[in-house]
């Protein structure tokens, strides 16, 4: 079963709060109900993979100003049939940044989120069941802005509230990053 690995990762994942507990339950229900959950053609929603990329000192995150959504977000995209969410997240990180210094911090899920994508052209409104993996990269390495972005930039974690317009999931990942930094200093 190609979904087994993701189901195991989600069962192992420790939700941060009640929202994430609800997300995890919804993820598991969705994955079990739809064998084609990794396909963009599943119009009610599909699995996506994101890369939360932080610098080596864990005080900045690389964000993209997404063209279609007109918002600052983490890098990521559709699984397009790929069940290995680490491969999806890594591919998206490389394609959307052009960075070669990207390194996966852990094979464990860093964060999960379910969010609505508005209807656009032929695509109806649908849900993205987003799995976020944690990566580091060298913030001094030149990056490349992809055709999916208006801009790309390293943003201080303490400034993400204004950049993200209080996006709960961005702020949650920033909080988790700060907690990791604090635990690594001990």
N, C-alpha and C. Protein backbone atom coordinates (compact mmCIF):
# COMPACT_ATOMS: atom_id res chain seq x y z
N UNK A 1 0.85 -1.20 0.00
CA UNK A 1 0.00 0.00 0.00
C UNK A 1 0.88 1.24 0.00
N UNK A 2 0.75 2.08 -1.00
CA UNK A 2 1.62 3.25 -1.13
C UNK A 2 1.36 4.32 -0.07
N UNK A 3 0.26 4.24 0.64
CA UNK A 3 -0.08 5.24 1.67
C UNK A 3 0.45 4.85 3.05
N UNK A 4 0.92 3.63 3.19
CA UNK A 4 1.29 3.10 4.50
C UNK A 4 2.36 3.94 5.20
N UNK A 5 3.39 4.37 4.48
CA UNK A 5 4.47 5.15 5.09
C UNK A 5 3.96 6.46 5.66
N UNK A 6 3.11 7.16 4.91
CA UNK A 6 2.57 8.43 5.40
C UNK A 6 1.64 8.21 6.59
N UNK A 7 0.84 7.17 6.54
CA UNK A 7 -0.03 6.85 7.69
C UNK A 7 0.81 6.61 8.93
N UNK A 8 1.91 5.85 8.79
CA UNK A 8 2.79 5.59 9.94
C UNK A 8 3.41 6.89 10.46
N UNK A 9 3.84 7.75 9.56
CA UNK A 9 4.43 9.03 9.98
C UNK A 9 3.40 9.88 10.74
N UNK A 10 2.17 9.89 10.24
CA UNK A 10 1.12 10.67 10.90
C UNK A 10 0.75 10.07 12.27
N UNK A 11 0.74 8.76 12.37
CA UNK A 11 0.44 8.12 13.66
C UNK A 11 1.54 8.41 14.67
N UNK A 12 2.78 8.52 14.21
CA UNK A 12 3.92 8.81 15.08
C UNK A 12 3.98 10.30 15.45
N UNK A 13 3.44 11.14 14.58
CA UNK A 13 3.51 12.59 14.75
C UNK A 13 2.81 13.02 16.04
N UNK A 14 3.46 13.92 16.77
CA UNK A 14 2.91 14.43 18.03
C UNK A 14 2.36 15.85 17.80
N UNK A 15 1.03 15.98 17.70
CA UNK A 15 0.43 17.30 17.46
C UNK A 15 0.76 18.30 18.56
N UNK A 16 0.97 19.55 18.15
CA UNK A 16 1.32 20.63 19.06
C UNK A 16 0.12 21.13 19.85
N UNK A 17 -1.06 21.15 19.21
CA UNK A 17 -2.24 21.74 19.84
C UNK A 17 -3.50 21.04 19.35
N UNK A 18 -4.66 21.51 19.81
CA UNK A 18 -5.92 20.90 19.42
C UNK A 18 -6.19 20.98 17.92
N UNK A 19 -5.77 22.09 17.29
CA UNK A 19 -5.94 22.20 15.83
C UNK A 19 -5.18 21.09 15.11
N UNK A 20 -3.95 20.87 15.52
CA UNK A 20 -3.16 19.83 14.87
C UNK A 20 -3.71 18.43 15.18
N UNK A 21 -4.27 18.24 16.34
CA UNK A 21 -4.91 16.95 16.65
C UNK A 21 -6.06 16.70 15.69
N UNK A 22 -6.86 17.74 15.46
CA UNK A 22 -7.98 17.63 14.51
C UNK A 22 -7.46 17.42 13.09
N UNK A 23 -6.40 18.14 12.73
CA UNK A 23 -5.79 17.96 11.40
C UNK A 23 -5.35 16.51 11.21
N UNK A 24 -4.66 15.96 12.22
CA UNK A 24 -4.15 14.59 12.08
C UNK A 24 -5.30 13.60 11.90
N UNK A 25 -6.35 13.75 12.66
CA UNK A 25 -7.52 12.86 12.52
C UNK A 25 -8.12 13.00 11.12
N UNK A 26 -8.23 14.22 10.63
CA UNK A 26 -8.77 14.45 9.28
C UNK A 26 -7.86 13.89 8.21
N UNK A 27 -6.55 14.06 8.37
CA UNK A 27 -5.58 13.49 7.44
C UNK A 27 -5.76 11.98 7.34
N UNK A 28 -5.78 11.31 8.48
CA UNK A 28 -5.87 9.85 8.48
C UNK A 28 -7.17 9.39 7.84
N UNK A 29 -8.26 10.05 8.15
CA UNK A 29 -9.55 9.72 7.55
C UNK A 29 -9.51 9.91 6.03
N UNK A 30 -8.95 11.04 5.60
CA UNK A 30 -8.86 11.36 4.17
C UNK A 30 -8.00 10.34 3.43
N UNK A 31 -6.83 10.04 3.97
CA UNK A 31 -5.91 9.10 3.31
C UNK A 31 -6.53 7.72 3.22
N UNK A 32 -7.21 7.29 4.26
CA UNK A 32 -7.85 5.97 4.24
C UNK A 32 -9.05 5.92 3.31
N UNK A 33 -9.73 7.04 3.13
CA UNK A 33 -10.94 7.08 2.29
C UNK A 33 -10.63 7.19 0.80
N UNK A 34 -9.50 7.79 0.47
CA UNK A 34 -9.19 8.08 -0.94
C UNK A 34 -7.85 7.50 -1.35
N UNK A 35 -7.86 6.35 -2.03
CA UNK A 35 -6.59 5.77 -2.50
C UNK A 35 -5.82 6.70 -3.43
N UNK A 36 -6.51 7.62 -4.08
CA UNK A 36 -5.86 8.56 -5.00
C UNK A 36 -5.56 9.91 -4.33
N UNK A 37 -5.34 9.90 -3.02
CA UNK A 37 -5.15 11.13 -2.24
C UNK A 37 -3.90 11.92 -2.64
N UNK A 38 -2.97 11.30 -3.34
CA UNK A 38 -1.76 12.00 -3.77
C UNK A 38 -1.91 12.64 -5.15
N UNK A 39 -3.06 12.49 -5.75
CA UNK A 39 -3.30 12.99 -7.11
C UNK A 39 -3.99 14.34 -7.10
N UNK A 40 -3.47 15.26 -7.85
CA UNK A 40 -4.06 16.59 -8.00
C UNK A 40 -5.46 16.51 -8.61
N UNK A 41 -5.73 15.44 -9.35
CA UNK A 41 -7.03 15.28 -10.00
C UNK A 41 -8.16 15.00 -9.00
N UNK A 42 -7.84 14.65 -7.77
CA UNK A 42 -8.86 14.46 -6.74
C UNK A 42 -9.36 15.86 -6.35
N UNK A 43 -10.51 16.23 -6.85
CA UNK A 43 -10.94 17.62 -6.79
C UNK A 43 -11.38 18.12 -5.42
N UNK A 44 -11.71 17.23 -4.50
CA UNK A 44 -12.09 17.73 -3.16
C UNK A 44 -10.86 18.13 -2.35
N UNK A 45 -9.72 17.55 -2.71
CA UNK A 45 -8.48 17.86 -2.00
C UNK A 45 -7.42 16.83 -2.32
N UNK A 46 -6.20 17.11 -1.88
CA UNK A 46 -5.09 16.19 -2.13
C UNK A 46 -3.93 16.51 -1.19
N UNK A 47 -3.03 15.53 -1.09
CA UNK A 47 -1.84 15.67 -0.25
C UNK A 47 -0.85 16.59 -0.96
N UNK A 48 -0.27 17.50 -0.21
CA UNK A 48 0.81 18.35 -0.70
C UNK A 48 2.00 18.23 0.24
N UNK A 49 3.16 18.59 -0.25
CA UNK A 49 4.37 18.53 0.57
C UNK A 49 5.06 19.87 0.59
N UNK A 50 5.41 20.33 1.78
CA UNK A 50 6.07 21.63 1.93
C UNK A 50 7.41 21.48 2.63
N UNK A 51 8.24 22.49 2.38
CA UNK A 51 9.57 22.56 3.00
C UNK A 51 9.64 23.81 3.86
N UNK A 52 9.76 23.62 5.16
CA UNK A 52 10.01 24.74 6.07
C UNK A 52 11.53 24.82 6.16
N UNK A 53 12.10 25.80 5.46
CA UNK A 53 13.55 25.92 5.36
C UNK A 53 14.01 27.03 6.28
N UNK A 54 14.90 26.69 7.21
CA UNK A 54 15.47 27.67 8.13
C UNK A 54 16.97 27.74 7.91
N UNK A 55 17.55 28.85 8.34
CA UNK A 55 19.00 28.98 8.23
C UNK A 55 19.66 28.12 9.32
N UNK A 56 20.98 28.07 9.30
CA UNK A 56 21.69 27.17 10.21
C UNK A 56 21.65 27.62 11.66
N UNK A 57 21.27 28.87 11.91
CA UNK A 57 21.12 29.35 13.29
C UNK A 57 19.67 29.35 13.75
N UNK A 58 18.78 28.84 12.92
CA UNK A 58 17.36 28.68 13.26
C UNK A 58 16.67 29.98 13.66
N UNK A 59 17.10 31.10 13.07
CA UNK A 59 16.43 32.36 13.40
C UNK A 59 15.82 33.04 12.17
N UNK A 60 15.93 32.40 11.00
CA UNK A 60 15.33 32.92 9.78
C UNK A 60 14.71 31.76 8.99
N UNK A 61 13.65 32.09 8.25
CA UNK A 61 13.00 31.10 7.39
C UNK A 61 12.95 31.65 5.97
N UNK A 62 13.08 30.75 5.01
CA UNK A 62 13.00 31.14 3.60
C UNK A 62 11.54 31.04 3.17
N UNK A 63 10.98 32.17 2.76
CA UNK A 63 9.58 32.22 2.34
C UNK A 63 9.49 32.67 0.89
N UNK A 64 8.43 32.23 0.25
CA UNK A 64 8.14 32.63 -1.12
C UNK A 64 6.88 33.49 -1.12
N UNK A 65 6.87 34.52 -1.95
CA UNK A 65 5.65 35.28 -2.14
C UNK A 65 4.95 34.64 -3.33
N UNK A 66 3.97 33.82 -3.02
CA UNK A 66 3.28 32.96 -3.98
C UNK A 66 2.47 33.79 -4.97
N UNK A 67 2.70 33.55 -6.26
CA UNK A 67 2.01 34.33 -7.30
C UNK A 67 0.49 34.17 -7.25
N UNK A 68 0.03 32.93 -7.26
CA UNK A 68 -1.42 32.68 -7.34
C UNK A 68 -2.15 33.11 -6.07
N UNK A 69 -1.54 32.88 -4.92
CA UNK A 69 -2.22 33.19 -3.66
C UNK A 69 -1.90 34.58 -3.12
N UNK A 70 -0.86 35.23 -3.70
CA UNK A 70 -0.46 36.57 -3.31
C UNK A 70 -0.20 36.68 -1.80
N UNK A 71 0.55 35.69 -1.27
CA UNK A 71 0.86 35.65 0.16
C UNK A 71 2.26 35.10 0.35
N UNK A 72 2.90 35.47 1.46
CA UNK A 72 4.19 34.88 1.84
C UNK A 72 3.91 33.53 2.50
N UNK A 73 4.53 32.48 1.97
CA UNK A 73 4.32 31.12 2.46
C UNK A 73 5.63 30.33 2.44
N UNK A 74 5.60 29.16 3.05
CA UNK A 74 6.72 28.23 2.93
C UNK A 74 6.71 27.65 1.51
N UNK A 75 7.82 27.10 1.07
CA UNK A 75 7.90 26.49 -0.25
C UNK A 75 7.19 25.14 -0.23
N UNK A 76 6.57 24.77 -1.34
CA UNK A 76 5.88 23.49 -1.37
C UNK A 76 5.01 23.34 -2.58
N UNK A 77 4.42 22.15 -2.71
CA UNK A 77 3.56 21.92 -3.85
C UNK A 77 2.91 20.56 -3.85
N UNK A 78 2.31 20.23 -4.98
CA UNK A 78 1.54 19.01 -5.15
C UNK A 78 2.41 17.76 -5.17
N UNK A 79 1.85 16.67 -4.66
CA UNK A 79 2.54 15.38 -4.70
C UNK A 79 2.51 14.78 -6.10
N UNK A 80 1.46 15.07 -6.85
CA UNK A 80 1.32 14.56 -8.22
C UNK A 80 1.59 13.07 -8.32
N UNK A 81 0.99 12.31 -7.40
CA UNK A 81 1.07 10.86 -7.44
C UNK A 81 2.21 10.27 -6.64
N UNK A 82 3.14 11.08 -6.18
CA UNK A 82 4.29 10.59 -5.39
C UNK A 82 3.86 10.41 -3.94
N UNK A 83 3.97 9.20 -3.42
CA UNK A 83 3.55 8.91 -2.05
C UNK A 83 4.65 9.21 -1.02
N UNK A 84 5.90 9.34 -1.48
CA UNK A 84 7.01 9.64 -0.57
C UNK A 84 7.04 11.15 -0.34
N UNK A 85 6.50 11.58 0.78
CA UNK A 85 6.33 13.00 1.05
C UNK A 85 7.67 13.70 1.24
N UNK A 86 8.69 12.98 1.67
CA UNK A 86 10.03 13.59 1.78
C UNK A 86 10.56 13.92 0.39
N UNK A 87 10.35 13.03 -0.58
CA UNK A 87 10.75 13.32 -1.95
C UNK A 87 10.01 14.54 -2.49
N UNK A 88 8.72 14.63 -2.20
CA UNK A 88 7.91 15.76 -2.67
C UNK A 88 8.44 17.06 -2.06
N UNK A 89 8.63 17.09 -0.76
CA UNK A 89 9.09 18.30 -0.07
C UNK A 89 10.48 18.71 -0.55
N UNK A 90 11.36 17.74 -0.71
CA UNK A 90 12.72 18.03 -1.17
C UNK A 90 12.71 18.59 -2.59
N UNK A 91 11.93 17.95 -3.46
CA UNK A 91 11.82 18.40 -4.85
C UNK A 91 11.32 19.84 -4.90
N UNK A 92 10.28 20.14 -4.14
CA UNK A 92 9.72 21.49 -4.13
C UNK A 92 10.73 22.50 -3.59
N UNK A 93 11.46 22.14 -2.54
CA UNK A 93 12.46 23.03 -1.96
C UNK A 93 13.54 23.38 -2.99
N UNK A 94 14.02 22.37 -3.69
CA UNK A 94 15.07 22.59 -4.69
C UNK A 94 14.55 23.39 -5.88
N UNK A 95 13.38 23.01 -6.40
CA UNK A 95 12.82 23.68 -7.58
C UNK A 95 12.46 25.14 -7.30
N UNK A 96 11.94 25.42 -6.12
CA UNK A 96 11.43 26.76 -5.84
C UNK A 96 12.49 27.70 -5.26
N UNK A 97 13.68 27.17 -4.95
CA UNK A 97 14.72 28.04 -4.38
C UNK A 97 16.01 28.04 -5.20
N UNK A 98 16.30 26.94 -5.87
CA UNK A 98 17.57 26.82 -6.58
C UNK A 98 18.76 26.62 -5.65
N UNK A 99 18.51 26.47 -4.35
CA UNK A 99 19.60 26.28 -3.39
C UNK A 99 20.15 24.86 -3.46
N UNK A 100 21.46 24.73 -3.32
CA UNK A 100 22.06 23.40 -3.29
C UNK A 100 22.44 22.97 -1.87
N UNK A 101 22.39 23.92 -0.92
CA UNK A 101 22.79 23.63 0.46
C UNK A 101 21.65 23.08 1.32
N UNK A 102 20.50 22.80 0.74
CA UNK A 102 19.34 22.33 1.50
C UNK A 102 19.60 20.95 2.08
N UNK A 103 19.33 20.82 3.38
CA UNK A 103 19.51 19.53 4.07
C UNK A 103 18.28 19.23 4.91
N UNK A 104 17.78 18.00 4.79
CA UNK A 104 16.66 17.55 5.61
C UNK A 104 17.14 17.38 7.04
N UNK A 105 16.42 17.96 8.00
CA UNK A 105 16.80 17.88 9.41
C UNK A 105 16.38 16.55 10.01
N UNK A 106 15.19 16.07 9.66
CA UNK A 106 14.65 14.84 10.22
C UNK A 106 13.67 14.22 9.23
N UNK A 107 13.55 12.91 9.27
CA UNK A 107 12.55 12.24 8.43
C UNK A 107 11.18 12.25 9.10
N UNK A 108 11.09 12.79 10.31
CA UNK A 108 9.81 12.95 10.99
C UNK A 108 9.09 14.18 10.46
N UNK A 109 7.78 14.14 10.46
CA UNK A 109 6.97 15.29 10.06
C UNK A 109 7.23 16.44 11.03
N UNK A 110 7.42 17.64 10.49
CA UNK A 110 7.63 18.83 11.32
C UNK A 110 6.31 19.50 11.68
N UNK A 111 5.39 19.55 10.72
CA UNK A 111 4.12 20.26 10.92
C UNK A 111 3.11 19.73 9.91
N UNK A 112 1.84 19.89 10.25
CA UNK A 112 0.76 19.52 9.32
C UNK A 112 -0.26 20.65 9.31
N UNK A 113 -0.96 20.77 8.18
CA UNK A 113 -1.97 21.80 8.07
C UNK A 113 -2.96 21.39 6.98
N UNK A 114 -4.19 21.78 7.15
CA UNK A 114 -5.22 21.60 6.13
C UNK A 114 -5.78 22.99 5.85
N UNK A 115 -5.70 23.40 4.60
CA UNK A 115 -6.18 24.74 4.25
C UNK A 115 -6.91 24.72 2.92
N UNK A 116 -7.80 25.68 2.78
CA UNK A 116 -8.63 25.81 1.58
C UNK A 116 -7.91 26.59 0.50
N UNK A 117 -7.95 26.06 -0.71
CA UNK A 117 -7.42 26.75 -1.88
C UNK A 117 -8.63 27.26 -2.67
N UNK A 118 -8.65 28.55 -2.95
CA UNK A 118 -9.82 29.11 -3.66
C UNK A 118 -9.95 28.58 -5.09
N UNK A 119 -11.16 28.60 -5.60
CA UNK A 119 -11.42 28.18 -6.99
C UNK A 119 -10.63 29.10 -7.92
N UNK A 120 -10.12 28.50 -9.00
CA UNK A 120 -9.34 29.27 -9.97
C UNK A 120 -9.44 28.58 -11.32
N UNK A 121 -9.81 29.33 -12.33
CA UNK A 121 -9.98 28.81 -13.69
C UNK A 121 -10.82 27.54 -13.65
N UNK A 122 -10.24 26.39 -14.01
CA UNK A 122 -10.99 25.13 -14.06
C UNK A 122 -11.00 24.37 -12.74
N UNK A 123 -10.20 24.82 -11.77
CA UNK A 123 -10.09 24.11 -10.49
C UNK A 123 -11.12 24.63 -9.49
N UNK A 124 -11.95 23.74 -8.94
CA UNK A 124 -12.89 24.18 -7.91
C UNK A 124 -12.16 24.44 -6.59
N UNK A 125 -12.82 25.11 -5.67
CA UNK A 125 -12.26 25.25 -4.33
C UNK A 125 -11.99 23.85 -3.79
N UNK A 126 -10.85 23.68 -3.13
CA UNK A 126 -10.48 22.35 -2.62
C UNK A 126 -9.54 22.50 -1.43
N UNK A 127 -9.24 21.39 -0.79
CA UNK A 127 -8.36 21.39 0.38
C UNK A 127 -6.98 20.88 0.03
N UNK A 128 -5.97 21.48 0.64
CA UNK A 128 -4.62 20.95 0.60
C UNK A 128 -4.32 20.35 1.98
N UNK A 129 -4.03 19.08 1.97
CA UNK A 129 -3.61 18.35 3.17
C UNK A 129 -2.09 18.40 3.14
N UNK A 130 -1.53 19.37 3.84
CA UNK A 130 -0.12 19.71 3.68
C UNK A 130 0.76 19.12 4.78
N UNK A 131 1.75 18.37 4.34
CA UNK A 131 2.77 17.81 5.24
C UNK A 131 4.01 18.68 5.10
N UNK A 132 4.53 19.17 6.23
CA UNK A 132 5.70 20.05 6.20
C UNK A 132 6.90 19.34 6.82
N UNK A 133 7.99 19.35 6.09
CA UNK A 133 9.25 18.77 6.57
C UNK A 133 10.21 19.92 6.86
N UNK A 134 11.11 19.70 7.82
CA UNK A 134 12.07 20.73 8.24
C UNK A 134 13.40 20.55 7.52
N UNK A 135 13.89 21.64 6.93
CA UNK A 135 15.17 21.66 6.24
C UNK A 135 16.00 22.84 6.75
N UNK A 136 17.31 22.74 6.58
CA UNK A 136 18.19 23.89 6.79
C UNK A 136 18.87 24.20 5.46
N UNK A 137 19.33 25.44 5.36
CA UNK A 137 20.10 25.87 4.18
C UNK A 137 20.95 27.07 4.58
N UNK A 138 21.94 27.34 3.76
CA UNK A 138 22.84 28.47 3.98
C UNK A 138 22.16 29.73 3.45
N UNK A 139 21.88 30.68 4.34
CA UNK A 139 21.17 31.89 3.92
C UNK A 139 22.04 32.81 3.06
N UNK A 140 23.33 32.55 2.98
CA UNK A 140 24.22 33.37 2.14
C UNK A 140 24.34 32.86 0.71
N UNK A 141 23.83 31.66 0.47
CA UNK A 141 23.87 31.11 -0.88
C UNK A 141 22.85 31.84 -1.75
N UNK A 142 23.22 32.24 -2.95
CA UNK A 142 22.24 32.90 -3.84
C UNK A 142 21.10 31.94 -4.19
N UNK A 143 19.88 32.46 -4.22
CA UNK A 143 18.73 31.64 -4.58
C UNK A 143 18.16 32.11 -5.91
N UNK A 144 17.27 31.32 -6.44
CA UNK A 144 16.61 31.63 -7.71
C UNK A 144 15.11 31.70 -7.47
N UNK A 145 14.49 32.77 -7.93
CA UNK A 145 13.05 32.92 -7.79
C UNK A 145 12.39 32.16 -8.94
N UNK A 146 11.52 31.21 -8.58
CA UNK A 146 10.87 30.38 -9.60
C UNK A 146 9.72 31.15 -10.26
N UNK A 147 9.19 30.59 -11.34
CA UNK A 147 8.08 31.24 -12.03
C UNK A 147 6.78 31.15 -11.23
N UNK A 148 6.76 30.42 -10.11
CA UNK A 148 5.58 30.34 -9.25
C UNK A 148 5.56 31.45 -8.20
N UNK A 149 6.64 32.23 -8.15
CA UNK A 149 6.79 33.22 -7.08
C UNK A 149 6.95 34.63 -7.62
N UNK A 150 6.47 35.59 -6.83
CA UNK A 150 6.76 37.00 -7.09
C UNK A 150 8.09 37.37 -6.47
N UNK A 151 8.43 36.71 -5.37
CA UNK A 151 9.65 37.02 -4.63
C UNK A 151 10.00 35.84 -3.74
N UNK A 152 11.21 35.85 -3.24
CA UNK A 152 11.72 34.81 -2.34
C UNK A 152 12.66 35.52 -1.40
N UNK A 153 12.62 35.19 -0.12
CA UNK A 153 13.54 35.86 0.79
C UNK A 153 13.61 35.22 2.15
N UNK A 154 14.75 35.45 2.79
CA UNK A 154 14.96 35.01 4.17
C UNK A 154 14.30 36.04 5.08
N UNK A 155 13.44 35.57 5.96
CA UNK A 155 12.72 36.45 6.87
C UNK A 155 13.01 36.02 8.30
N UNK A 156 13.31 37.01 9.15
CA UNK A 156 13.55 36.72 10.57
C UNK A 156 12.28 36.15 11.19
N UNK A 157 12.44 35.12 12.01
CA UNK A 157 11.26 34.50 12.64
C UNK A 157 10.44 35.51 13.41
N UNK A 158 11.11 36.48 14.03
CA UNK A 158 10.40 37.49 14.81
C UNK A 158 9.60 38.46 13.95
N UNK A 159 9.82 38.45 12.63
CA UNK A 159 9.09 39.34 11.73
C UNK A 159 7.99 38.63 10.95
N UNK A 160 7.82 37.33 11.18
CA UNK A 160 6.88 36.57 10.36
C UNK A 160 5.42 36.94 10.59
N UNK A 161 5.11 37.49 11.73
CA UNK A 161 3.72 37.88 11.99
C UNK A 161 3.24 38.87 10.94
N UNK A 162 4.06 39.87 10.63
CA UNK A 162 3.64 40.86 9.63
C UNK A 162 3.73 40.30 8.21
N UNK A 163 4.78 39.55 7.89
CA UNK A 163 4.90 38.99 6.55
C UNK A 163 3.77 38.01 6.24
N UNK A 164 3.41 37.21 7.23
CA UNK A 164 2.40 36.18 6.99
C UNK A 164 0.98 36.67 7.21
N UNK A 165 0.84 37.92 7.61
CA UNK A 165 -0.49 38.48 7.93
C UNK A 165 -1.20 37.61 8.96
N UNK A 166 -0.43 37.24 10.01
CA UNK A 166 -0.93 36.42 11.12
C UNK A 166 -1.36 35.02 10.69
N UNK A 167 -0.78 34.49 9.64
CA UNK A 167 -1.08 33.13 9.20
C UNK A 167 -0.72 32.16 10.34
N UNK A 168 -1.74 31.52 10.88
CA UNK A 168 -1.57 30.64 12.04
C UNK A 168 -0.53 29.54 11.81
N UNK A 169 -0.54 28.94 10.63
CA UNK A 169 0.38 27.82 10.39
C UNK A 169 1.82 28.30 10.28
N UNK A 170 2.07 29.46 9.68
CA UNK A 170 3.43 30.01 9.61
C UNK A 170 3.92 30.34 11.02
N UNK A 171 3.07 30.97 11.80
CA UNK A 171 3.45 31.34 13.17
C UNK A 171 3.68 30.10 14.03
N UNK A 172 2.91 29.03 13.79
CA UNK A 172 3.10 27.78 14.54
C UNK A 172 4.46 27.17 14.20
N UNK A 173 4.83 27.18 12.90
CA UNK A 173 6.13 26.63 12.52
C UNK A 173 7.27 27.48 13.07
N UNK A 174 7.10 28.79 13.11
CA UNK A 174 8.11 29.66 13.71
C UNK A 174 8.28 29.34 15.19
N UNK A 175 7.17 29.14 15.88
CA UNK A 175 7.21 28.81 17.31
C UNK A 175 7.93 27.47 17.53
N UNK A 176 7.64 26.48 16.68
CA UNK A 176 8.31 25.18 16.79
C UNK A 176 9.81 25.32 16.53
N UNK A 177 10.17 26.19 15.58
CA UNK A 177 11.59 26.40 15.26
C UNK A 177 12.31 27.03 16.44
N UNK A 178 11.69 28.02 17.05
CA UNK A 178 12.29 28.66 18.23
C UNK A 178 12.45 27.65 19.38
N UNK A 179 11.46 26.77 19.53
CA UNK A 179 11.54 25.74 20.59
C UNK A 179 12.69 24.77 20.31
N UNK A 180 12.88 24.41 19.03
CA UNK A 180 14.01 23.54 18.66
C UNK A 180 15.33 24.20 18.98
N UNK A 181 15.45 25.48 18.64
CA UNK A 181 16.68 26.21 18.92
C UNK A 181 16.95 26.23 20.42
N UNK A 182 15.92 26.50 21.21
CA UNK A 182 16.08 26.54 22.66
C UNK A 182 16.51 25.18 23.21
N UNK A 183 15.92 24.10 22.69
CA UNK A 183 16.27 22.75 23.18
C UNK A 183 17.68 22.35 22.73
N UNK A 184 18.14 22.85 21.58
CA UNK A 184 19.50 22.54 21.10
C UNK A 184 20.56 23.27 21.90
N UNK A 185 20.19 24.38 22.53
CA UNK A 185 21.15 25.17 23.33
C UNK A 185 21.37 24.55 24.71
N UNK A 186 20.47 23.66 25.11
CA UNK A 186 20.57 23.09 26.47
C UNK A 186 21.59 21.98 26.52
